[in-house]
Amino acid sequence: MLKPLIFVLAAVALIALPHGLSFSQQEILVFLVINILLVTSYRLLTLTGEWSLGHVVIMGVGAYASALVSKELGVNVPVSILLGGITSALLAVLLSFPLFRMKGFYFLIGSFAAGEIIRLIWKRFREPFGGVRGISGIDPMPDFSLGFYSFDFFEPVSYYYFAGFVVMICLWVLWRIEKSPVGLTFHAVHWQDKLAQASGVNLRAYRTLAFAIASGFAGIAGALQGHYVGTVNPNSFDIEVMVFVLTWAIVGGTATFYGPILGCVLLTILNEIVLRELGFEQARPLIYGAIMILSILFLPNGLESIVQKVLPRKAAPSPERKAAA
């Protein structure tokens, strides 16, 4: 009874949240929702033990693909967003052939190199990618009405509801994947790779699958961002943005589904409310770097470890109760 009540209260709070904020804060809320999907998709990749420096560029692939098919081919925006995710997933499968010949640190560097090659292609070719300036005039989400509410997607509140709906579905799918036998195999590939391989698990195939799924959802996040901003360019998906994603994941923790979300939300609040108000926004990379180092030193399991200590855990059944069952 308690869980449904918490869910209903949380849903009401999320629906009412943007109406108590200023216009700029509502825009920040839209980007926060999109970033939650980005960092959660990144965590899925880390389940197999691989950390990438190209995830933000893969997000950009989805943004570019969705922008091009909607602007040049006239594809409906919701369909183009889905196609952006599919394009990112397919590219991840292609990249997996060279990248998964490497592991650990070498995979990290290889993913960074692959991402930079993709960004150089965007910068080099004005057709169709727009060169350094990127693509502008991207088709917005078409307005519509449900009778009780009219969605004007030039307004951040309407786009927040749309993006929030899409992200909630994506998060549910990611959560279900992690709890499925496939997700459990991802964990086995990370922690017991030799044993998993001896049991008949194709390690490379499962790493590729995790990479493709994570990239697909990152592509959807990029497409959502592109159709809201109305423009995409190579500088929007550079290594600085990737460092922020890494910081969200590390500070929040990756052992639980909610850890990276927690890191993303709290660090966004820190940046947009505290640092901006104090005039330290230009020092954000420095402050984020310091936060990451301090987190690794003093909170190696992330903020999620604090939550786990505060929330009560279910007691394990006693041997007597097990026998009775």
C-alpha atoms as a PDB file:
ATOM      1  CA  MET A   1       0.000   0.000   0.000  1.00  0.00           C
ATOM      2  CA  LEU A   2       2.861   2.370   0.824  1.00  0.00           C
ATOM      3  CA  LYS A   3       4.681   1.968  -2.507  1.00  0.00           C
ATOM      4  CA  PRO A   4       1.672   2.924  -4.709  1.00  0.00           C
ATOM      5  CA  LEU A   5       1.042   5.956  -2.488  1.00  0.00           C
ATOM      6  CA  ILE A   6       4.680   7.077  -2.828  1.00  0.00           C
ATOM      7  CA  PHE A   7       4.474   6.572  -6.583  1.00  0.00           C
ATOM      8  CA  VAL A   8       1.298   8.684  -6.861  1.00  0.00           C
ATOM      9  CA  LEU A   9       2.745  11.473  -4.699  1.00  0.00           C
ATOM     10  CA  ALA A  10       5.974  11.474  -6.726  1.00  0.00           C
ATOM     11  CA  ALA A  11       3.998  11.664  -9.995  1.00  0.00           C
ATOM     12  CA  VAL A  12       1.911  14.591  -8.713  1.00  0.00           C
ATOM     13  CA  ALA A  13       5.063  16.381  -7.526  1.00  0.00           C
ATOM     14  CA  LEU A  14       6.791  15.921 -10.907  1.00  0.00           C
ATOM     15  CA  ILE A  15       3.730  17.208 -12.769  1.00  0.00           C
ATOM     16  CA  ALA A  16       3.401  20.271 -10.521  1.00  0.00           C
ATOM     17  CA  LEU A  17       7.156  20.982 -10.257  1.00  0.00           C
ATOM     18  CA  PRO A  18       7.691  23.247 -13.315  1.00  0.00           C
ATOM     19  CA  HIS A  19       4.793  25.564 -12.417  1.00  0.00           C
ATOM     20  CA  GLY A  20       6.658  26.892  -9.378  1.00  0.00           C
ATOM     21  CA  LEU A  21       9.806  27.759 -11.345  1.00  0.00           C
ATOM     22  CA  SER A  22      10.961  30.645 -13.507  1.00  0.00           C
ATOM     23  CA  PHE A  23      11.316  30.289 -17.292  1.00  0.00           C
ATOM     24  CA  SER A  24      15.079  29.701 -17.106  1.00  0.00           C
ATOM     25  CA  GLN A  25      14.639  27.159 -14.327  1.00  0.00           C
ATOM     26  CA  GLN A  26      12.012  25.361 -16.405  1.00  0.00           C
ATOM     27  CA  GLU A  27      14.533  25.090 -19.249  1.00  0.00           C
ATOM     28  CA  ILE A  28      17.107  23.678 -16.827  1.00  0.00           C
ATOM     29  CA  LEU A  29      14.502  21.122 -15.776  1.00  0.00           C
ATOM     30  CA  VAL A  30      14.071  19.995 -19.405  1.00  0.00           C
ATOM     31  CA  PHE A  31      17.826  19.441 -19.791  1.00  0.00           C
ATOM     32  CA  LEU A  32      17.941  17.675 -16.425  1.00  0.00           C
ATOM     33  CA  VAL A  33      15.302  15.160 -17.557  1.00  0.00           C
ATOM     34  CA  ILE A  34      17.263  14.487 -20.771  1.00  0.00           C
ATOM     35  CA  ASN A  35      20.542  14.141 -18.851  1.00  0.00           C
ATOM     36  CA  ILE A  36      18.941  11.608 -16.508  1.00  0.00           C
ATOM     37  CA  LEU A  37      18.284   9.361 -19.497  1.00  0.00           C
ATOM     38  CA  LEU A  38      21.838   9.947 -20.746  1.00  0.00           C
ATOM     39  CA  VAL A  39      23.555   9.005 -17.483  1.00  0.00           C
ATOM     40  CA  THR A  40      21.237   6.040 -16.842  1.00  0.00           C
ATOM     41  CA  SER A  41      21.972   4.643 -20.300  1.00  0.00           C
ATOM     42  CA  TYR A  42      25.671   5.103 -19.581  1.00  0.00           C
ATOM     43  CA  ARG A  43      25.330   3.017 -16.440  1.00  0.00           C
ATOM     44  CA  LEU A  44      23.984   0.100 -18.484  1.00  0.00           C
ATOM     45  CA  LEU A  45      27.290  -0.022 -20.345  1.00  0.00           C
ATOM     46  CA  THR A  46      29.247  -0.005 -17.083  1.00  0.00           C
ATOM     47  CA  LEU A  47      27.390  -3.138 -15.955  1.00  0.00           C
ATOM     48  CA  THR A  48      29.720  -5.146 -18.207  1.00  0.00           C
ATOM     49  CA  GLY A  49      32.751  -3.447 -16.649  1.00  0.00           C
ATOM     50  CA  GLU A  50      33.485  -1.119 -19.583  1.00  0.00           C
ATOM     51  CA  TRP A  51      33.669   2.673 -19.233  1.00  0.00           C
ATOM     52  CA  SER A  52      33.456   4.769 -22.377  1.00  0.00           C
ATOM     53  CA  LEU A  53      34.605   8.306 -23.202  1.00  0.00           C
ATOM     54  CA  GLY A  54      32.501   8.403 -26.353  1.00  0.00           C
ATOM     55  CA  HIS A  55      28.997   8.117 -24.914  1.00  0.00           C
ATOM     56  CA  VAL A  56      28.215  11.808 -25.383  1.00  0.00           C
ATOM     57  CA  VAL A  57      29.337  11.629 -29.016  1.00  0.00           C
ATOM     58  CA  ILE A  58      26.985   8.651 -29.480  1.00  0.00           C
ATOM     59  CA  MET A  59      24.293  10.905 -28.019  1.00  0.00           C
ATOM     60  CA  GLY A  60      25.219  13.420 -30.710  1.00  0.00           C
ATOM     61  CA  VAL A  61      24.840  10.757 -33.391  1.00  0.00           C
ATOM     62  CA  GLY A  62      21.209  10.381 -32.358  1.00  0.00           C
ATOM     63  CA  ALA A  63      20.745  14.156 -32.393  1.00  0.00           C
ATOM     64  CA  TYR A  64      22.264  14.526 -35.878  1.00  0.00           C
ATOM     65  CA  ALA A  65      20.375  11.540 -37.294  1.00  0.00           C
ATOM     66  CA  SER A  66      17.024  12.737 -35.951  1.00  0.00           C
ATOM     67  CA  ALA A  67      17.671  16.287 -37.164  1.00  0.00           C
ATOM     68  CA  LEU A  68      18.584  15.139 -40.670  1.00  0.00           C
ATOM     69  CA  VAL A  69      15.700  12.712 -41.219  1.00  0.00           C
ATOM     70  CA  SER A  70      13.137  15.213 -39.919  1.00  0.00           C
ATOM     71  CA  LYS A  71      14.556  18.250 -41.743  1.00  0.00           C
ATOM     72  CA  GLU A  72      15.686  16.694 -45.032  1.00  0.00           C
ATOM     73  CA  LEU A  73      13.261  13.797 -45.403  1.00  0.00           C
ATOM     74  CA  GLY A  74      10.222  15.259 -43.653  1.00  0.00           C
ATOM     75  CA  VAL A  75       9.886  12.398 -41.177  1.00  0.00           C
ATOM     76  CA  ASN A  76       7.550  13.076 -38.264  1.00  0.00           C
ATOM     77  CA  VAL A  77       9.504  14.215 -35.197  1.00  0.00           C
ATOM     78  CA  PRO A  78       8.507  11.403 -32.773  1.00  0.00           C
ATOM     79  CA  VAL A  79       9.474   8.869 -35.454  1.00  0.00           C
ATOM     80  CA  SER A  80      12.751  10.697 -36.137  1.00  0.00           C
ATOM     81  CA  ILE A  81      13.601  10.591 -32.425  1.00  0.00           C
ATOM     82  CA  LEU A  82      13.169   6.818 -32.472  1.00  0.00           C
ATOM     83  CA  LEU A  83      15.267   6.614 -35.656  1.00  0.00           C
ATOM     84  CA  GLY A  84      17.966   8.667 -33.942  1.00  0.00           C
ATOM     85  CA  GLY A  85      18.165   6.054 -31.192  1.00  0.00           C
ATOM     86  CA  ILE A  86      18.268   3.211 -33.709  1.00  0.00           C
ATOM     87  CA  THR A  87      21.053   4.946 -35.655  1.00  0.00           C
ATOM     88  CA  SER A  88      23.133   5.320 -32.487  1.00  0.00           C
ATOM     89  CA  ALA A  89      22.615   1.645 -31.635  1.00  0.00           C
ATOM     90  CA  LEU A  90      23.645   0.515 -35.133  1.00  0.00           C
ATOM     91  CA  LEU A  91      26.754   2.683 -35.039  1.00  0.00           C
ATOM     92  CA  ALA A  92      27.648   1.173 -31.658  1.00  0.00           C
ATOM     93  CA  VAL A  93      27.441  -2.299 -33.204  1.00  0.00           C
ATOM     94  CA  LEU A  94      29.864  -1.216 -35.959  1.00  0.00           C
ATOM     95  CA  LEU A  95      32.236   0.383 -33.432  1.00  0.00           C
ATOM     96  CA  SER A  96      32.155  -2.743 -31.293  1.00  0.00           C
ATOM     97  CA  PHE A  97      34.238  -4.680 -33.853  1.00  0.00           C
ATOM     98  CA  PRO A  98      37.419  -2.633 -33.272  1.00  0.00           C
ATOM     99  CA  LEU A  99      36.653  -1.429 -29.722  1.00  0.00           C
ATOM    100  CA  PHE A 100      35.943  -4.806 -28.144  1.00  0.00           C
ATOM    101  CA  ARG A 101      39.311  -6.082 -29.199  1.00  0.00           C
ATOM    102  CA  MET A 102      40.339  -3.936 -26.226  1.00  0.00           C
ATOM    103  CA  LYS A 103      39.386  -4.011 -22.553  1.00  0.00           C
ATOM    104  CA  GLY A 104      39.578  -1.700 -19.567  1.00  0.00           C
ATOM    105  CA  PHE A 105      41.855   1.301 -20.008  1.00  0.00           C
ATOM    106  CA  TYR A 106      42.452   0.526 -23.692  1.00  0.00           C
ATOM    107  CA  PHE A 107      38.706   0.439 -24.366  1.00  0.00           C
ATOM    108  CA  LEU A 108      38.396   3.795 -22.595  1.00  0.00           C
ATOM    109  CA  ILE A 109      41.030   5.401 -24.821  1.00  0.00           C
ATOM    110  CA  GLY A 110      39.705   3.657 -27.928  1.00  0.00           C
ATOM    111  CA  SER A 111      36.199   4.978 -27.293  1.00  0.00           C
ATOM    112  CA  PHE A 112      37.588   8.500 -26.903  1.00  0.00           C
ATOM    113  CA  ALA A 113      39.474   8.189 -30.205  1.00  0.00           C
ATOM    114  CA  ALA A 114      36.374   6.864 -31.994  1.00  0.00           C
ATOM    115  CA  GLY A 115      34.306   9.729 -30.621  1.00  0.00           C
ATOM    116  CA  GLU A 116      36.820  12.324 -31.767  1.00  0.00           C
ATOM    117  CA  ILE A 117      36.887  10.800 -35.264  1.00  0.00           C
ATOM    118  CA  ILE A 118      33.099  11.131 -35.443  1.00  0.00           C
ATOM    119  CA  ARG A 119      33.269  14.755 -34.258  1.00  0.00           C
ATOM    120  CA  LEU A 120      35.946  15.531 -36.870  1.00  0.00           C
ATOM    121  CA  ILE A 121      33.666  14.095 -39.570  1.00  0.00           C
ATOM    122  CA  TRP A 122      30.887  16.408 -38.406  1.00  0.00           C
ATOM    123  CA  LYS A 123      33.245  19.389 -38.531  1.00  0.00           C
ATOM    124  CA  ARG A 124      34.821  18.477 -41.869  1.00  0.00           C
ATOM    125  CA  PHE A 125      31.705  17.884 -43.957  1.00  0.00           C
ATOM    126  CA  ARG A 126      29.316  20.794 -44.426  1.00  0.00           C
ATOM    127  CA  GLU A 127      27.003  18.460 -46.317  1.00  0.00           C
ATOM    128  CA  PRO A 128      25.033  17.039 -44.666  1.00  0.00           C
ATOM    129  CA  PHE A 129      26.385  17.804 -41.168  1.00  0.00           C
ATOM    130  CA  GLY A 130      26.763  21.583 -41.440  1.00  0.00           C
ATOM    131  CA  GLY A 131      30.460  21.672 -40.615  1.00  0.00           C
ATOM    132  CA  VAL A 132      31.595  23.502 -37.494  1.00  0.00           C
ATOM    133  CA  ARG A 133      28.324  25.400 -37.221  1.00  0.00           C
ATOM    134  CA  GLY A 134      26.284  22.228 -37.262  1.00  0.00           C
ATOM    135  CA  ILE A 135      22.622  21.994 -38.219  1.00  0.00           C
ATOM    136  CA  SER A 136      20.152  24.739 -37.343  1.00  0.00           C
ATOM    137  CA  GLY A 137      16.439  25.149 -37.906  1.00  0.00           C
ATOM    138  CA  ILE A 138      15.662  21.612 -36.745  1.00  0.00           C
ATOM    139  CA  ASP A 139      11.970  20.797 -36.871  1.00  0.00           C
ATOM    140  CA  PRO A 140      10.340  21.189 -33.454  1.00  0.00           C
ATOM    141  CA  MET A 141       7.939  18.759 -31.918  1.00  0.00           C
ATOM    142  CA  PRO A 142       4.508  19.563 -33.473  1.00  0.00           C
ATOM    143  CA  ASP A 143       1.987  21.107 -31.103  1.00  0.00           C
ATOM    144  CA  PHE A 144      -1.167  19.202 -30.198  1.00  0.00           C
ATOM    145  CA  SER A 145      -3.998  19.297 -27.696  1.00  0.00           C
ATOM    146  CA  LEU A 146      -5.451  16.650 -25.413  1.00  0.00           C
ATOM    147  CA  GLY A 147      -8.527  18.726 -24.641  1.00  0.00           C
ATOM    148  CA  PHE A 148      -7.609  19.421 -21.021  1.00  0.00           C
ATOM    149  CA  TYR A 149      -4.105  20.648 -21.936  1.00  0.00           C
ATOM    150  CA  SER A 150      -2.621  22.205 -25.090  1.00  0.00           C
ATOM    151  CA  PHE A 151       1.023  21.334 -25.746  1.00  0.00           C
ATOM    152  CA  ASP A 152       3.041  24.272 -27.102  1.00  0.00           C
ATOM    153  CA  PHE A 153       6.539  22.841 -27.508  1.00  0.00           C
ATOM    154  CA  PHE A 154       8.199  26.229 -27.698  1.00  0.00           C
ATOM    155  CA  GLU A 155       7.312  26.427 -24.014  1.00  0.00           C
ATOM    156  CA  PRO A 156       9.615  24.497 -21.654  1.00  0.00           C
ATOM    157  CA  VAL A 157       6.737  23.193 -19.526  1.00  0.00           C
ATOM    158  CA  SER A 158       5.141  21.378 -22.465  1.00  0.00           C
ATOM    159  CA  TYR A 159       8.467  19.935 -23.586  1.00  0.00           C
ATOM    160  CA  TYR A 160       9.242  18.899 -20.006  1.00  0.00           C
ATOM    161  CA  TYR A 161       6.043  16.830 -19.956  1.00  0.00           C
ATOM    162  CA  PHE A 162       6.828  15.279 -23.347  1.00  0.00           C
ATOM    163  CA  ALA A 163      10.477  14.552 -22.542  1.00  0.00           C
ATOM    164  CA  GLY A 164       9.523  13.321 -19.080  1.00  0.00           C
ATOM    165  CA  PHE A 165       7.022  10.869 -20.561  1.00  0.00           C
ATOM    166  CA  VAL A 166       9.579   9.540 -23.065  1.00  0.00           C
ATOM    167  CA  VAL A 167      12.318   9.316 -20.427  1.00  0.00           C
ATOM    168  CA  MET A 168      10.069   7.495 -17.958  1.00  0.00           C
ATOM    169  CA  ILE A 169       9.312   4.846 -20.576  1.00  0.00           C
ATOM    170  CA  CYS A 170      13.022   4.536 -21.409  1.00  0.00           C
ATOM    171  CA  LEU A 171      13.975   4.238 -17.739  1.00  0.00           C
ATOM    172  CA  TRP A 172      11.362   1.534 -17.226  1.00  0.00           C
ATOM    173  CA  VAL A 173      12.762  -0.406 -20.194  1.00  0.00           C
ATOM    174  CA  LEU A 174      16.338  -0.019 -18.915  1.00  0.00           C
ATOM    175  CA  TRP A 175      15.274  -1.178 -15.463  1.00  0.00           C
ATOM    176  CA  ARG A 176      13.490  -4.199 -16.893  1.00  0.00           C
ATOM    177  CA  ILE A 177      16.540  -5.085 -18.984  1.00  0.00           C
ATOM    178  CA  GLU A 178      18.780  -4.967 -15.916  1.00  0.00           C
ATOM    179  CA  LYS A 179      16.431  -7.212 -13.924  1.00  0.00           C
ATOM    180  CA  SER A 180      16.090  -9.695 -16.789  1.00  0.00           C
ATOM    181  CA  PRO A 181      18.391 -12.686 -17.398  1.00  0.00           C
ATOM    182  CA  VAL A 182      20.215 -10.523 -19.954  1.00  0.00           C
ATOM    183  CA  GLY A 183      20.955  -7.918 -17.278  1.00  0.00           C
ATOM    184  CA  LEU A 184      22.144 -10.568 -14.857  1.00  0.00           C
ATOM    185  CA  THR A 185      24.475 -11.844 -17.572  1.00  0.00           C
ATOM    186  CA  PHE A 186      25.862  -8.315 -17.975  1.00  0.00           C
ATOM    187  CA  HIS A 187      26.794  -8.425 -14.291  1.00  0.00           C
ATOM    188  CA  ALA A 188      28.363 -11.856 -14.730  1.00  0.00           C
ATOM    189  CA  VAL A 189      30.425 -10.608 -17.687  1.00  0.00           C
ATOM    190  CA  HIS A 190      31.795  -7.905 -15.409  1.00  0.00           C
ATOM    191  CA  TRP A 191      32.444  -9.767 -12.173  1.00  0.00           C
ATOM    192  CA  GLN A 192      32.870 -13.397 -13.247  1.00  0.00           C
ATOM    193  CA  ASP A 193      33.891 -13.226 -16.892  1.00  0.00           C
ATOM    194  CA  LYS A 194      35.953 -16.443 -16.900  1.00  0.00           C
ATOM    195  CA  LEU A 195      33.190 -18.388 -15.170  1.00  0.00           C
ATOM    196  CA  ALA A 196      30.566 -16.919 -17.498  1.00  0.00           C
ATOM    197  CA  GLN A 197      32.650 -17.843 -20.533  1.00  0.00           C
ATOM    198  CA  ALA A 198      33.115 -21.366 -19.197  1.00  0.00           C
ATOM    199  CA  SER A 199      29.316 -21.574 -18.851  1.00  0.00           C
ATOM    200  CA  GLY A 200      28.913 -20.824 -22.550  1.00  0.00           C
ATOM    201  CA  VAL A 201      28.363 -17.044 -22.412  1.00  0.00           C
ATOM    202  CA  ASN A 202      29.728 -15.169 -25.430  1.00  0.00           C
ATOM    203  CA  LEU A 203      31.466 -12.284 -23.644  1.00  0.00           C
ATOM    204  CA  ARG A 204      31.966 -10.144 -26.716  1.00  0.00           C
ATOM    205  CA  ALA A 205      28.363 -10.583 -27.844  1.00  0.00           C
ATOM    206  CA  TYR A 206      26.992  -9.462 -24.480  1.00  0.00           C
ATOM    207  CA  ARG A 207      29.377  -6.502 -24.281  1.00  0.00           C
ATOM    208  CA  THR A 208      28.266  -5.501 -27.768  1.00  0.00           C
ATOM    209  CA  LEU A 209      24.612  -5.867 -26.760  1.00  0.00           C
ATOM    210  CA  ALA A 210      25.083  -3.651 -23.697  1.00  0.00           C
ATOM    211  CA  PHE A 211      26.986  -1.109 -25.812  1.00  0.00           C
ATOM    212  CA  ALA A 212      24.238  -1.039 -28.451  1.00  0.00           C
ATOM    213  CA  ILE A 213      21.356  -0.735 -25.958  1.00  0.00           C
ATOM    214  CA  ALA A 214      23.114   2.009 -23.983  1.00  0.00           C
ATOM    215  CA  SER A 215      23.945   3.860 -27.208  1.00  0.00           C
ATOM    216  CA  GLY A 216      20.376   3.570 -28.478  1.00  0.00           C
ATOM    217  CA  PHE A 217      18.953   5.275 -25.402  1.00  0.00           C
ATOM    218  CA  ALA A 218      21.735   7.884 -25.486  1.00  0.00           C
ATOM    219  CA  GLY A 219      20.711   8.592 -29.091  1.00  0.00           C
ATOM    220  CA  ILE A 220      17.116   9.160 -27.968  1.00  0.00           C
ATOM    221  CA  ALA A 221      18.387  11.611 -25.343  1.00  0.00           C
ATOM    222  CA  GLY A 222      20.379  13.456 -28.018  1.00  0.00           C
ATOM    223  CA  ALA A 223      17.365  13.606 -30.333  1.00  0.00           C
ATOM    224  CA  LEU A 224      15.188  14.995 -27.530  1.00  0.00           C
ATOM    225  CA  GLN A 225      17.786  17.683 -26.895  1.00  0.00           C
ATOM    226  CA  GLY A 226      18.218  18.552 -30.577  1.00  0.00           C
ATOM    227  CA  HIS A 227      14.514  19.039 -31.239  1.00  0.00           C
ATOM    228  CA  TYR A 228      14.179  21.226 -28.149  1.00  0.00           C
ATOM    229  CA  VAL A 229      17.187  23.476 -28.780  1.00  0.00           C
ATOM    230  CA  GLY A 230      16.616  23.557 -32.546  1.00  0.00           C
ATOM    231  CA  THR A 231      20.287  23.145 -33.385  1.00  0.00           C
ATOM    232  CA  VAL A 232      23.125  20.637 -33.050  1.00  0.00           C
ATOM    233  CA  ASN A 233      26.839  21.195 -33.491  1.00  0.00           C
ATOM    234  CA  PRO A 234      30.025  19.220 -32.733  1.00  0.00           C
ATOM    235  CA  ASN A 235      30.948  21.338 -29.713  1.00  0.00           C
ATOM    236  CA  SER A 236      27.762  20.299 -27.913  1.00  0.00           C
ATOM    237  CA  PHE A 237      29.145  16.764 -27.589  1.00  0.00           C
ATOM    238  CA  ASP A 238      32.793  17.300 -26.682  1.00  0.00           C
ATOM    239  CA  ILE A 239      34.923  15.732 -23.952  1.00  0.00           C
ATOM    240  CA  GLU A 240      33.976  18.424 -21.421  1.00  0.00           C
ATOM    241  CA  VAL A 241      30.352  17.263 -21.503  1.00  0.00           C
ATOM    242  CA  MET A 242      31.558  13.652 -21.211  1.00  0.00           C
ATOM    243  CA  VAL A 243      33.468  14.554 -18.045  1.00  0.00           C
ATOM    244  CA  PHE A 244      30.226  15.854 -16.539  1.00  0.00           C
ATOM    245  CA  VAL A 245      28.496  12.536 -17.314  1.00  0.00           C
ATOM    246  CA  LEU A 246      31.377  10.624 -15.736  1.00  0.00           C
ATOM    247  CA  THR A 247      31.163  12.833 -12.653  1.00  0.00           C
ATOM    248  CA  TRP A 248      27.421  12.258 -12.296  1.00  0.00           C
ATOM    249  CA  ALA A 249      27.927   8.499 -12.511  1.00  0.00           C
ATOM    250  CA  ILE A 250      30.915   8.327 -10.150  1.00  0.00           C
ATOM    251  CA  VAL A 251      29.544  10.733  -7.535  1.00  0.00           C
ATOM    252  CA  GLY A 252      26.110   9.084  -7.562  1.00  0.00           C
ATOM    253  CA  GLY A 253      27.466   5.539  -7.774  1.00  0.00           C
ATOM    254  CA  THR A 254      26.774   2.812 -10.317  1.00  0.00           C
ATOM    255  CA  ALA A 255      25.890  -0.122  -8.048  1.00  0.00           C
ATOM    256  CA  THR A 256      22.198   0.801  -8.060  1.00  0.00           C
ATOM    257  CA  PHE A 257      19.807   2.000 -10.745  1.00  0.00           C
ATOM    258  CA  TYR A 258      19.124   5.275  -8.949  1.00  0.00           C
ATOM    259  CA  GLY A 259      22.761   6.126  -8.133  1.00  0.00           C
ATOM    260  CA  PRO A 260      23.661   7.998 -11.359  1.00  0.00           C
ATOM    261  CA  ILE A 261      20.260   9.737 -11.309  1.00  0.00           C
ATOM    262  CA  LEU A 262      20.978  10.955  -7.797  1.00  0.00           C
ATOM    263  CA  GLY A 263      24.395  12.262  -8.861  1.00  0.00           C
ATOM    264  CA  CYS A 264      22.943  13.991 -11.920  1.00  0.00           C
ATOM    265  CA  VAL A 265      20.158  15.710  -9.985  1.00  0.00           C
ATOM    266  CA  LEU A 266      22.291  16.901  -7.066  1.00  0.00           C
ATOM    267  CA  LEU A 267      25.182  18.141  -9.205  1.00  0.00           C
ATOM    268  CA  THR A 268      22.773  19.927 -11.553  1.00  0.00           C
ATOM    269  CA  ILE A 269      21.231  21.685  -8.567  1.00  0.00           C
ATOM    270  CA  LEU A 270      24.736  22.557  -7.354  1.00  0.00           C
ATOM    271  CA  ASN A 271      25.696  23.966 -10.732  1.00  0.00           C
ATOM    272  CA  GLU A 272      22.540  25.787 -11.737  1.00  0.00           C
ATOM    273  CA  ILE A 273      21.554  27.186  -8.350  1.00  0.00           C
ATOM    274  CA  VAL A 274      24.689  27.455  -6.226  1.00  0.00           C
ATOM    275  CA  LEU A 275      27.507  28.048  -8.726  1.00  0.00           C
ATOM    276  CA  ARG A 276      25.501  30.276 -11.060  1.00  0.00           C
ATOM    277  CA  GLU A 277      24.160  32.412  -8.226  1.00  0.00           C
ATOM    278  CA  LEU A 278      27.643  32.810  -6.759  1.00  0.00           C
ATOM    279  CA  GLY A 279      29.170  33.619 -10.150  1.00  0.00           C
ATOM    280  CA  PHE A 280      31.389  30.502 -10.260  1.00  0.00           C
ATOM    281  CA  GLU A 281      29.809  28.926 -13.337  1.00  0.00           C
ATOM    282  CA  GLN A 282      32.993  29.358 -15.415  1.00  0.00           C
ATOM    283  CA  ALA A 283      34.874  27.337 -12.817  1.00  0.00           C
ATOM    284  CA  ARG A 284      32.473  24.402 -13.162  1.00  0.00           C
ATOM    285  CA  PRO A 285      35.027  21.985 -14.735  1.00  0.00           C
ATOM    286  CA  LEU A 286      37.465  22.714 -11.902  1.00  0.00           C
ATOM    287  CA  ILE A 287      34.827  22.275  -9.217  1.00  0.00           C
ATOM    288  CA  TYR A 288      33.458  19.112 -10.845  1.00  0.00           C
ATOM    289  CA  GLY A 289      36.985  17.685 -10.993  1.00  0.00           C
ATOM    290  CA  ALA A 290      37.501  18.428  -7.307  1.00  0.00           C
ATOM    291  CA  ILE A 291      34.145  16.831  -6.452  1.00  0.00           C
ATOM    292  CA  MET A 292      35.050  13.706  -8.411  1.00  0.00           C
ATOM    293  CA  ILE A 293      38.409  13.353  -6.657  1.00  0.00           C
ATOM    294  CA  LEU A 294      36.878  13.904  -3.215  1.00  0.00           C
ATOM    295  CA  SER A 295      34.135  11.412  -3.996  1.00  0.00           C
ATOM    296  CA  ILE A 296      36.648   8.747  -5.032  1.00  0.00           C
ATOM    297  CA  LEU A 297      38.727   9.349  -1.892  1.00  0.00           C
ATOM    298  CA  PHE A 298      36.031   9.693   0.762  1.00  0.00           C
ATOM    299  CA  LEU A 299      32.877   8.224  -0.799  1.00  0.00           C
ATOM    300  CA  PRO A 300      34.099   5.484  -3.159  1.00  0.00           C
ATOM    301  CA  ASN A 301      30.665   3.851  -3.393  1.00  0.00           C
ATOM    302  CA  GLY A 302      28.953   7.123  -4.264  1.00  0.00           C
ATOM    303  CA  LEU A 303      25.973   8.910  -2.805  1.00  0.00           C
ATOM    304  CA  GLU A 304      23.914   5.752  -3.180  1.00  0.00           C
ATOM    305  CA  SER A 305      25.875   4.238  -0.283  1.00  0.00           C
ATOM    306  CA  ILE A 306      24.496   6.966   2.013  1.00  0.00           C
ATOM    307  CA  VAL A 307      20.958   6.179   0.876  1.00  0.00           C
ATOM    308  CA  GLN A 308      21.502   2.469   1.510  1.00  0.00           C
ATOM    309  CA  LYS A 309      22.647   3.224   5.059  1.00  0.00           C
ATOM    310  CA  VAL A 310      19.639   5.444   5.767  1.00  0.00           C
ATOM    311  CA  LEU A 311      16.912   3.276   4.229  1.00  0.00           C
ATOM    312  CA  PRO A 312      16.005   0.123   6.151  1.00  0.00           C
ATOM    313  CA  ARG A 313      16.803  -3.162   4.467  1.00  0.00           C
ATOM    314  CA  LYS A 314      14.578  -6.208   4.392  1.00  0.00           C
ATOM    315  CA  ALA A 315      15.750  -8.721   6.932  1.00  0.00           C
ATOM    316  CA  ALA A 316      16.937 -12.029   5.513  1.00  0.00           C
ATOM    317  CA  PRO A 317      14.644 -14.917   6.456  1.00  0.00           C
ATOM    318  CA  SER A 318      15.919 -17.107   9.256  1.00  0.00           C
ATOM    319  CA  PRO A 319      16.793 -20.787   8.625  1.00  0.00           C
ATOM    320  CA  GLU A 320      13.699 -21.778  10.618  1.00  0.00           C
ATOM    321  CA  ARG A 321      11.432 -19.702   8.387  1.00  0.00           C
ATOM    322  CA  LYS A 322      13.106 -21.096   5.282  1.00  0.00           C
ATOM    323  CA  ALA A 323      12.515 -24.644   6.573  1.00  0.00           C
ATOM    324  CA  ALA A 324       8.900 -23.852   7.353  1.00  0.00           C
ATOM    325  CA  ALA A 325       8.426 -22.505   3.836  1.00  0.00           C
END
